[in-house]
Amino acid sequence: MADHGTPHFHNQPGVARVRIGAKEFMCTGALPPFDHPHIFIDMGDSDDVICPYCSTHYVYDASLARGACEPPECAFPDKVSA
């Protein structure tokens, strides 16, 4: 996982759902150069949310560490090859 104050996730693989260990995070859509504006999403009291840009369905999973996700390749990397 990238060393960000707020966890960042993407859906480059195009999976139907990304389980994440955080209720507040950034969605990047896909990896650069195909990313959308990196937006802050807060689930609030809900356990799931759909990104308004890319329609990725994020589901909070309390069993995952903060910043972790399933599938693990949806964690935004420290360095991205463009």
PDB file of N, CA and C in Angstrom:
ATOM      1  N   MET A   1       0.846  -1.176   0.000  1.00  0.00           N
ATOM      2  CA  MET A   1       0.000   0.000   0.000  1.00  0.00           C
ATOM      3  C   MET A   1       0.887   1.232   0.000  1.00  0.00           C
ATOM      4  N   ALA A   2       0.439   2.208  -0.695  1.00  0.00           N
ATOM      5  CA  ALA A   2       1.174   3.466  -0.770  1.00  0.00           C
ATOM      6  C   ALA A   2       1.197   4.151   0.592  1.00  0.00           C
ATOM      7  N   ASP A   3       2.215   4.963   0.814  1.00  0.00           N
ATOM      8  CA  ASP A   3       2.363   5.652   2.090  1.00  0.00           C
ATOM      9  C   ASP A   3       1.650   7.002   2.024  1.00  0.00           C
ATOM     10  N   HIS A   4       0.323   6.971   2.011  1.00  0.00           N
ATOM     11  CA  HIS A   4      -0.514   8.169   1.970  1.00  0.00           C
ATOM     12  C   HIS A   4      -1.190   8.311   3.327  1.00  0.00           C
ATOM     13  N   GLY A   5      -1.548   9.521   3.716  1.00  0.00           N
ATOM     14  CA  GLY A   5      -2.328   9.716   4.927  1.00  0.00           C
ATOM     15  C   GLY A   5      -3.713   9.113   4.779  1.00  0.00           C
ATOM     16  N   THR A   6      -4.270   9.204   3.593  1.00  0.00           N
ATOM     17  CA  THR A   6      -5.560   8.619   3.271  1.00  0.00           C
ATOM     18  C   THR A   6      -5.318   7.476   2.299  1.00  0.00           C
ATOM     19  N   PRO A   7      -5.862   6.289   2.567  1.00  0.00           N
ATOM     20  CA  PRO A   7      -5.652   5.177   1.628  1.00  0.00           C
ATOM     21  C   PRO A   7      -6.202   5.515   0.243  1.00  0.00           C
ATOM     22  N   HIS A   8      -5.495   5.073  -0.781  1.00  0.00           N
ATOM     23  CA  HIS A   8      -5.906   5.265  -2.174  1.00  0.00           C
ATOM     24  C   HIS A   8      -6.180   3.894  -2.793  1.00  0.00           C
ATOM     25  N   PHE A   9      -7.261   3.810  -3.554  1.00  0.00           N
ATOM     26  CA  PHE A   9      -7.611   2.567  -4.231  1.00  0.00           C
ATOM     27  C   PHE A   9      -7.969   2.865  -5.679  1.00  0.00           C
ATOM     28  N   HIS A  10      -7.860   1.850  -6.517  1.00  0.00           N
ATOM     29  CA  HIS A  10      -8.232   1.947  -7.928  1.00  0.00           C
ATOM     30  C   HIS A  10      -8.921   0.659  -8.332  1.00  0.00           C
ATOM     31  N   ASN A  11      -9.477   0.644  -9.534  1.00  0.00           N
ATOM     32  CA  ASN A  11     -10.106  -0.569 -10.048  1.00  0.00           C
ATOM     33  C   ASN A  11      -9.589  -0.873 -11.445  1.00  0.00           C
ATOM     34  N   GLN A  12      -8.282  -0.831 -11.602  1.00  0.00           N
ATOM     35  CA  GLN A  12      -7.661  -1.169 -12.880  1.00  0.00           C
ATOM     36  C   GLN A  12      -8.099  -2.556 -13.378  1.00  0.00           C
ATOM     37  N   PRO A  13      -8.219  -3.567 -12.479  1.00  0.00           N
ATOM     38  CA  PRO A  13      -8.624  -4.894 -12.947  1.00  0.00           C
ATOM     39  C   PRO A  13     -10.075  -4.968 -13.421  1.00  0.00           C
ATOM     40  N   GLY A  14     -10.903  -3.991 -13.057  1.00  0.00           N
ATOM     41  CA  GLY A  14     -12.306  -3.980 -13.490  1.00  0.00           C
ATOM     42  C   GLY A  14     -13.179  -4.982 -12.755  1.00  0.00           C
ATOM     43  N   VAL A  15     -12.888  -5.199 -11.472  1.00  0.00           N
ATOM     44  CA  VAL A  15     -13.687  -6.139 -10.683  1.00  0.00           C
ATOM     45  C   VAL A  15     -15.032  -5.525 -10.304  1.00  0.00           C
ATOM     46  N   ALA A  16     -15.995  -6.384  -9.985  1.00  0.00           N
ATOM     47  CA  ALA A  16     -17.338  -5.918  -9.657  1.00  0.00           C
ATOM     48  C   ALA A  16     -17.392  -5.192  -8.321  1.00  0.00           C
ATOM     49  N   ARG A  17     -16.502  -5.581  -7.380  1.00  0.00           N
ATOM     50  CA  ARG A  17     -16.538  -5.013  -6.036  1.00  0.00           C
ATOM     51  C   ARG A  17     -15.127  -5.032  -5.464  1.00  0.00           C
ATOM     52  N   VAL A  18     -14.776  -3.979  -4.726  1.00  0.00           N
ATOM     53  CA  VAL A  18     -13.481  -3.909  -4.038  1.00  0.00           C
ATOM     54  C   VAL A  18     -13.777  -3.797  -2.547  1.00  0.00           C
ATOM     55  N   ARG A  19     -13.330  -4.782  -1.777  1.00  0.00           N
ATOM     56  CA  ARG A  19     -13.477  -4.733  -0.321  1.00  0.00           C
ATOM     57  C   ARG A  19     -12.284  -3.965   0.240  1.00  0.00           C
ATOM     58  N   ILE A  20     -12.554  -3.021   1.134  1.00  0.00           N
ATOM     59  CA  ILE A  20     -11.488  -2.174   1.668  1.00  0.00           C
ATOM     60  C   ILE A  20     -11.568  -2.081   3.186  1.00  0.00           C
ATOM     61  N   GLY A  21     -10.429  -1.797   3.808  1.00  0.00           N
ATOM     62  CA  GLY A  21     -10.352  -1.680   5.259  1.00  0.00           C
ATOM     63  C   GLY A  21     -10.402  -0.247   5.744  1.00  0.00           C
ATOM     64  N   ALA A  22     -11.117   0.605   5.063  1.00  0.00           N
ATOM     65  CA  ALA A  22     -11.234   2.014   5.456  1.00  0.00           C
ATOM     66  C   ALA A  22     -12.584   2.546   4.989  1.00  0.00           C
ATOM     67  N   LYS A  23     -13.144   3.446   5.760  1.00  0.00           N
ATOM     68  CA  LYS A  23     -14.399   4.087   5.358  1.00  0.00           C
ATOM     69  C   LYS A  23     -14.156   5.444   4.723  1.00  0.00           C
ATOM     70  N   GLU A  24     -12.948   5.971   4.874  1.00  0.00           N
ATOM     71  CA  GLU A  24     -12.552   7.224   4.235  1.00  0.00           C
ATOM     72  C   GLU A  24     -11.335   6.923   3.377  1.00  0.00           C
ATOM     73  N   PHE A  25     -11.406   7.269   2.097  1.00  0.00           N
ATOM     74  CA  PHE A  25     -10.345   6.886   1.165  1.00  0.00           C
ATOM     75  C   PHE A  25     -10.400   7.741  -0.088  1.00  0.00           C
ATOM     76  N   MET A  26      -9.422   7.556  -0.953  1.00  0.00           N
ATOM     77  CA  MET A  26      -9.404   8.213  -2.258  1.00  0.00           C
ATOM     78  C   MET A  26      -9.605   7.152  -3.334  1.00  0.00           C
ATOM     79  N   CYS A  27     -10.434   7.458  -4.312  1.00  0.00           N
ATOM     80  CA  CYS A  27     -10.596   6.598  -5.483  1.00  0.00           C
ATOM     81  C   CYS A  27      -9.902   7.278  -6.652  1.00  0.00           C
ATOM     82  N   THR A  28      -9.101   6.513  -7.385  1.00  0.00           N
ATOM     83  CA  THR A  28      -8.415   7.048  -8.560  1.00  0.00           C
ATOM     84  C   THR A  28      -8.977   6.477  -9.854  1.00  0.00           C
ATOM     85  N   GLY A  29      -9.924   5.559  -9.746  1.00  0.00           N
ATOM     86  CA  GLY A  29     -10.527   4.952 -10.929  1.00  0.00           C
ATOM     87  C   GLY A  29      -9.674   3.839 -11.475  1.00  0.00           C
ATOM     88  N   ALA A  30      -8.642   4.201 -12.219  1.00  0.00           N
ATOM     89  CA  ALA A  30      -7.688   3.254 -12.784  1.00  0.00           C
ATOM     90  C   ALA A  30      -6.292   3.818 -12.526  1.00  0.00           C
ATOM     91  N   LEU A  31      -5.302   3.136 -13.014  1.00  0.00           N
ATOM     92  CA  LEU A  31      -3.935   3.627 -12.868  1.00  0.00           C
ATOM     93  C   LEU A  31      -3.647   4.667 -13.947  1.00  0.00           C
ATOM     94  N   PRO A  32      -2.792   5.654 -13.649  1.00  0.00           N
ATOM     95  CA  PRO A  32      -2.412   6.648 -14.654  1.00  0.00           C
ATOM     96  C   PRO A  32      -1.814   5.950 -15.880  1.00  0.00           C
ATOM     97  N   PRO A  33      -2.089   6.426 -17.049  1.00  0.00           N
ATOM     98  CA  PRO A  33      -2.723   7.703 -17.383  1.00  0.00           C
ATOM     99  C   PRO A  33      -4.234   7.620 -17.553  1.00  0.00           C
ATOM    100  N   PHE A  34      -4.852   6.528 -17.130  1.00  0.00           N
ATOM    101  CA  PHE A  34      -6.290   6.342 -17.337  1.00  0.00           C
ATOM    102  C   PHE A  34      -7.108   6.604 -16.080  1.00  0.00           C
ATOM    103  N   ASP A  35      -6.518   7.303 -15.101  1.00  0.00           N
ATOM    104  CA  ASP A  35      -7.203   7.603 -13.855  1.00  0.00           C
ATOM    105  C   ASP A  35      -8.186   8.755 -14.030  1.00  0.00           C
ATOM    106  N   HIS A  36      -9.108   8.863 -13.086  1.00  0.00           N
ATOM    107  CA  HIS A  36     -10.007  10.018 -13.048  1.00  0.00           C
ATOM    108  C   HIS A  36      -9.510  10.935 -11.928  1.00  0.00           C
ATOM    109  N   PRO A  37     -10.095  12.109 -11.754  1.00  0.00           N
ATOM    110  CA  PRO A  37      -9.659  12.953 -10.633  1.00  0.00           C
ATOM    111  C   PRO A  37      -9.692  12.146  -9.335  1.00  0.00           C
ATOM    112  N   HIS A  38      -8.644  12.246  -8.547  1.00  0.00           N
ATOM    113  CA  HIS A  38      -8.540  11.482  -7.305  1.00  0.00           C
ATOM    114  C   HIS A  38      -9.456  12.130  -6.276  1.00  0.00           C
ATOM    115  N   ILE A  39     -10.571  11.451  -5.983  1.00  0.00           N
ATOM    116  CA  ILE A  39     -11.586  12.050  -5.126  1.00  0.00           C
ATOM    117  C   ILE A  39     -11.655  11.369  -3.764  1.00  0.00           C
ATOM    118  N   PHE A  40     -11.897  12.189  -2.748  1.00  0.00           N
ATOM    119  CA  PHE A  40     -12.068  11.703  -1.389  1.00  0.00           C
ATOM    120  C   PHE A  40     -13.491  11.175  -1.252  1.00  0.00           C
ATOM    121  N   ILE A  41     -13.609   9.969  -0.713  1.00  0.00           N
ATOM    122  CA  ILE A  41     -14.926   9.370  -0.475  1.00  0.00           C
ATOM    123  C   ILE A  41     -15.025   9.008   1.002  1.00  0.00           C
ATOM    124  N   ASP A  42     -16.137   9.375   1.617  1.00  0.00           N
ATOM    125  CA  ASP A  42     -16.400   9.057   3.017  1.00  0.00           C
ATOM    126  C   ASP A  42     -17.703   8.263   3.063  1.00  0.00           C
ATOM    127  N   MET A  43     -17.647   7.016   3.530  1.00  0.00           N
ATOM    128  CA  MET A  43     -18.835   6.164   3.602  1.00  0.00           C
ATOM    129  C   MET A  43     -19.796   6.582   4.698  1.00  0.00           C
ATOM    130  N   GLY A  44     -19.318   7.335   5.671  1.00  0.00           N
ATOM    131  CA  GLY A  44     -20.182   7.721   6.782  1.00  0.00           C
ATOM    132  C   GLY A  44     -20.674   6.499   7.538  1.00  0.00           C
ATOM    133  N   ASP A  45     -21.972   6.399   7.771  1.00  0.00           N
ATOM    134  CA  ASP A  45     -22.553   5.281   8.504  1.00  0.00           C
ATOM    135  C   ASP A  45     -22.777   4.046   7.640  1.00  0.00           C
ATOM    136  N   SER A  46     -22.631   4.180   6.346  1.00  0.00           N
ATOM    137  CA  SER A  46     -22.849   3.068   5.434  1.00  0.00           C
ATOM    138  C   SER A  46     -21.633   2.143   5.406  1.00  0.00           C
ATOM    139  N   ASP A  47     -21.827   0.953   4.904  1.00  0.00           N
ATOM    140  CA  ASP A  47     -20.720   0.003   4.733  1.00  0.00           C
ATOM    141  C   ASP A  47     -20.346  -0.180   3.275  1.00  0.00           C
ATOM    142  N   ASP A  48     -20.944   0.606   2.395  1.00  0.00           N
ATOM    143  CA  ASP A  48     -20.554   0.538   0.988  1.00  0.00           C
ATOM    144  C   ASP A  48     -20.871   1.853   0.299  1.00  0.00           C
ATOM    145  N   VAL A  49     -20.222   2.053  -0.844  1.00  0.00           N
ATOM    146  CA  VAL A  49     -20.395   3.280  -1.612  1.00  0.00           C
ATOM    147  C   VAL A  49     -20.000   2.994  -3.056  1.00  0.00           C
ATOM    148  N   ILE A  50     -20.573   3.754  -3.977  1.00  0.00           N
ATOM    149  CA  ILE A  50     -20.217   3.647  -5.389  1.00  0.00           C
ATOM    150  C   ILE A  50     -19.566   4.957  -5.804  1.00  0.00           C
ATOM    151  N   CYS A  51     -18.376   4.867  -6.414  1.00  0.00           N
ATOM    152  CA  CYS A  51     -17.667   6.064  -6.866  1.00  0.00           C
ATOM    153  C   CYS A  51     -18.489   6.749  -7.962  1.00  0.00           C
ATOM    154  N   PRO A  52     -18.739   8.065  -7.821  1.00  0.00           N
ATOM    155  CA  PRO A  52     -19.536   8.765  -8.832  1.00  0.00           C
ATOM    156  C   PRO A  52     -18.834   8.922 -10.178  1.00  0.00           C
ATOM    157  N   TYR A  53     -17.515   8.756 -10.227  1.00  0.00           N
ATOM    158  CA  TYR A  53     -16.788   8.871 -11.499  1.00  0.00           C
ATOM    159  C   TYR A  53     -16.720   7.549 -12.247  1.00  0.00           C
ATOM    160  N   CYS A  54     -16.283   6.492 -11.561  1.00  0.00           N
ATOM    161  CA  CYS A  54     -15.994   5.231 -12.266  1.00  0.00           C
ATOM    162  C   CYS A  54     -16.969   4.111 -11.935  1.00  0.00           C
ATOM    163  N   SER A  55     -17.897   4.359 -11.025  1.00  0.00           N
ATOM    164  CA  SER A  55     -18.912   3.388 -10.608  1.00  0.00           C
ATOM    165  C   SER A  55     -18.340   2.150  -9.919  1.00  0.00           C
ATOM    166  N   THR A  56     -17.120   2.239  -9.392  1.00  0.00           N
ATOM    167  CA  THR A  56     -16.578   1.129  -8.618  1.00  0.00           C
ATOM    168  C   THR A  56     -17.366   1.013  -7.316  1.00  0.00           C
ATOM    169  N   HIS A  57     -17.769  -0.202  -6.981  1.00  0.00           N
ATOM    170  CA  HIS A  57     -18.505  -0.472  -5.754  1.00  0.00           C
ATOM    171  C   HIS A  57     -17.491  -0.852  -4.679  1.00  0.00           C
ATOM    172  N   TYR A  58     -17.350   0.006  -3.675  1.00  0.00           N
ATOM    173  CA  TYR A  58     -16.441  -0.233  -2.555  1.00  0.00           C
ATOM    174  C   TYR A  58     -17.259  -0.708  -1.362  1.00  0.00           C
ATOM    175  N   VAL A  59     -16.770  -1.768  -0.709  1.00  0.00           N
ATOM    176  CA  VAL A  59     -17.450  -2.334   0.454  1.00  0.00           C
ATOM    177  C   VAL A  59     -16.477  -2.367   1.622  1.00  0.00           C
ATOM    178  N   TYR A  60     -16.883  -1.782   2.746  1.00  0.00           N
ATOM    179  CA  TYR A  60     -16.045  -1.779   3.940  1.00  0.00           C
ATOM    180  C   TYR A  60     -16.003  -3.174   4.545  1.00  0.00           C
ATOM    181  N   ASP A  61     -14.793  -3.641   4.876  1.00  0.00           N
ATOM    182  CA  ASP A  61     -14.585  -4.944   5.510  1.00  0.00           C
ATOM    183  C   ASP A  61     -13.711  -4.718   6.739  1.00  0.00           C
ATOM    184  N   ALA A  62     -14.310  -4.780   7.932  1.00  0.00           N
ATOM    185  CA  ALA A  62     -13.601  -4.505   9.176  1.00  0.00           C
ATOM    186  C   ALA A  62     -12.477  -5.503   9.446  1.00  0.00           C
ATOM    187  N   SER A  63     -12.486  -6.653   8.787  1.00  0.00           N
ATOM    188  CA  SER A  63     -11.427  -7.642   8.999  1.00  0.00           C
ATOM    189  C   SER A  63     -10.134  -7.269   8.270  1.00  0.00           C
ATOM    190  N   LEU A  64     -10.203  -6.301   7.356  1.00  0.00           N
ATOM    191  CA  LEU A  64      -9.014  -5.861   6.621  1.00  0.00           C
ATOM    192  C   LEU A  64      -8.340  -4.708   7.364  1.00  0.00           C
ATOM    193  N   ALA A  65      -7.021  -4.677   7.320  1.00  0.00           N
ATOM    194  CA  ALA A  65      -6.274  -3.567   7.922  1.00  0.00           C
ATOM    195  C   ALA A  65      -6.586  -2.284   7.166  1.00  0.00           C
ATOM    196  N   ARG A  66      -6.456  -1.147   7.859  1.00  0.00           N
ATOM    197  CA  ARG A  66      -6.691   0.142   7.198  1.00  0.00           C
ATOM    198  C   ARG A  66      -5.729   0.257   6.018  1.00  0.00           C
ATOM    199  N   GLY A  67      -6.246   0.541   4.860  1.00  0.00           N
ATOM    200  CA  GLY A  67      -5.419   0.666   3.670  1.00  0.00           C
ATOM    201  C   GLY A  67      -5.294  -0.622   2.875  1.00  0.00           C
ATOM    202  N   ALA A  68      -5.752  -1.736   3.450  1.00  0.00           N
ATOM    203  CA  ALA A  68      -5.706  -3.011   2.726  1.00  0.00           C
ATOM    204  C   ALA A  68      -6.976  -3.171   1.902  1.00  0.00           C
ATOM    205  N   CYS A  69      -6.907  -4.040   0.901  1.00  0.00           N
ATOM    206  CA  CYS A  69      -8.081  -4.282   0.075  1.00  0.00           C
ATOM    207  C   CYS A  69      -8.041  -5.680  -0.521  1.00  0.00           C
ATOM    208  N   GLU A  70      -9.187  -6.105  -0.983  1.00  0.00           N
ATOM    209  CA  GLU A  70      -9.346  -7.361  -1.710  1.00  0.00           C
ATOM    210  C   GLU A  70     -10.117  -7.050  -2.979  1.00  0.00           C
ATOM    211  N   PRO A  71      -9.589  -7.287  -4.138  1.00  0.00           N
ATOM    212  CA  PRO A  71      -8.289  -7.894  -4.402  1.00  0.00           C
ATOM    213  C   PRO A  71      -7.149  -6.927  -4.065  1.00  0.00           C
ATOM    214  N   PRO A  72      -6.004  -7.478  -3.605  1.00  0.00           N
ATOM    215  CA  PRO A  72      -4.900  -6.625  -3.154  1.00  0.00           C
ATOM    216  C   PRO A  72      -4.298  -5.746  -4.249  1.00  0.00           C
ATOM    217  N   GLU A  73      -4.446  -6.127  -5.504  1.00  0.00           N
ATOM    218  CA  GLU A  73      -3.884  -5.313  -6.588  1.00  0.00           C
ATOM    219  C   GLU A  73      -4.642  -4.008  -6.804  1.00  0.00           C
ATOM    220  N   CYS A  74      -5.738  -3.791  -6.074  1.00  0.00           N
ATOM    221  CA  CYS A  74      -6.486  -2.532  -6.178  1.00  0.00           C
ATOM    222  C   CYS A  74      -5.961  -1.448  -5.236  1.00  0.00           C
ATOM    223  N   ALA A  75      -4.931  -1.747  -4.458  1.00  0.00           N
ATOM    224  CA  ALA A  75      -4.283  -0.717  -3.639  1.00  0.00           C
ATOM    225  C   ALA A  75      -3.427   0.134  -4.562  1.00  0.00           C
ATOM    226  N   PHE A  76      -3.525   1.439  -4.424  1.00  0.00           N
ATOM    227  CA  PHE A  76      -2.758   2.354  -5.273  1.00  0.00           C
ATOM    228  C   PHE A  76      -1.283   2.270  -4.887  1.00  0.00           C
ATOM    229  N   PRO A  77      -0.397   1.962  -5.821  1.00  0.00           N
ATOM    230  CA  PRO A  77       1.022   1.783  -5.500  1.00  0.00           C
ATOM    231  C   PRO A  77       1.746   3.114  -5.223  1.00  0.00           C
ATOM    232  N   ASP A  78       2.904   2.989  -4.541  1.00  0.00           N
ATOM    233  CA  ASP A  78       3.727   4.165  -4.265  1.00  0.00           C
ATOM    234  C   ASP A  78       4.161   4.847  -5.551  1.00  0.00           C
ATOM    235  N   LYS A  79       4.633   4.077  -6.484  1.00  0.00           N
ATOM    236  CA  LYS A  79       5.129   4.610  -7.756  1.00  0.00           C
ATOM    237  C   LYS A  79       4.388   3.926  -8.889  1.00  0.00           C
ATOM    238  N   VAL A  80       3.926   4.704  -9.836  1.00  0.00           N
ATOM    239  CA  VAL A  80       3.180   4.183 -10.956  1.00  0.00           C
ATOM    240  C   VAL A  80       3.949   4.462 -12.234  1.00  0.00           C
ATOM    241  N   SER A  81       4.147   3.434 -13.029  1.00  0.00           N
ATOM    242  CA  SER A  81       4.811   3.625 -14.333  1.00  0.00           C
ATOM    243  C   SER A  81       3.797   4.172 -15.312  1.00  0.00           C
ATOM    244  N   ALA A  82       4.115   5.288 -15.909  1.00  0.00           N
ATOM    245  CA  ALA A  82       3.187   5.897 -16.868  1.00  0.00           C
ATOM    246  C   ALA A  82       3.655   5.665 -18.281  1.00  0.00           C
TER     247      ALA A  82
END
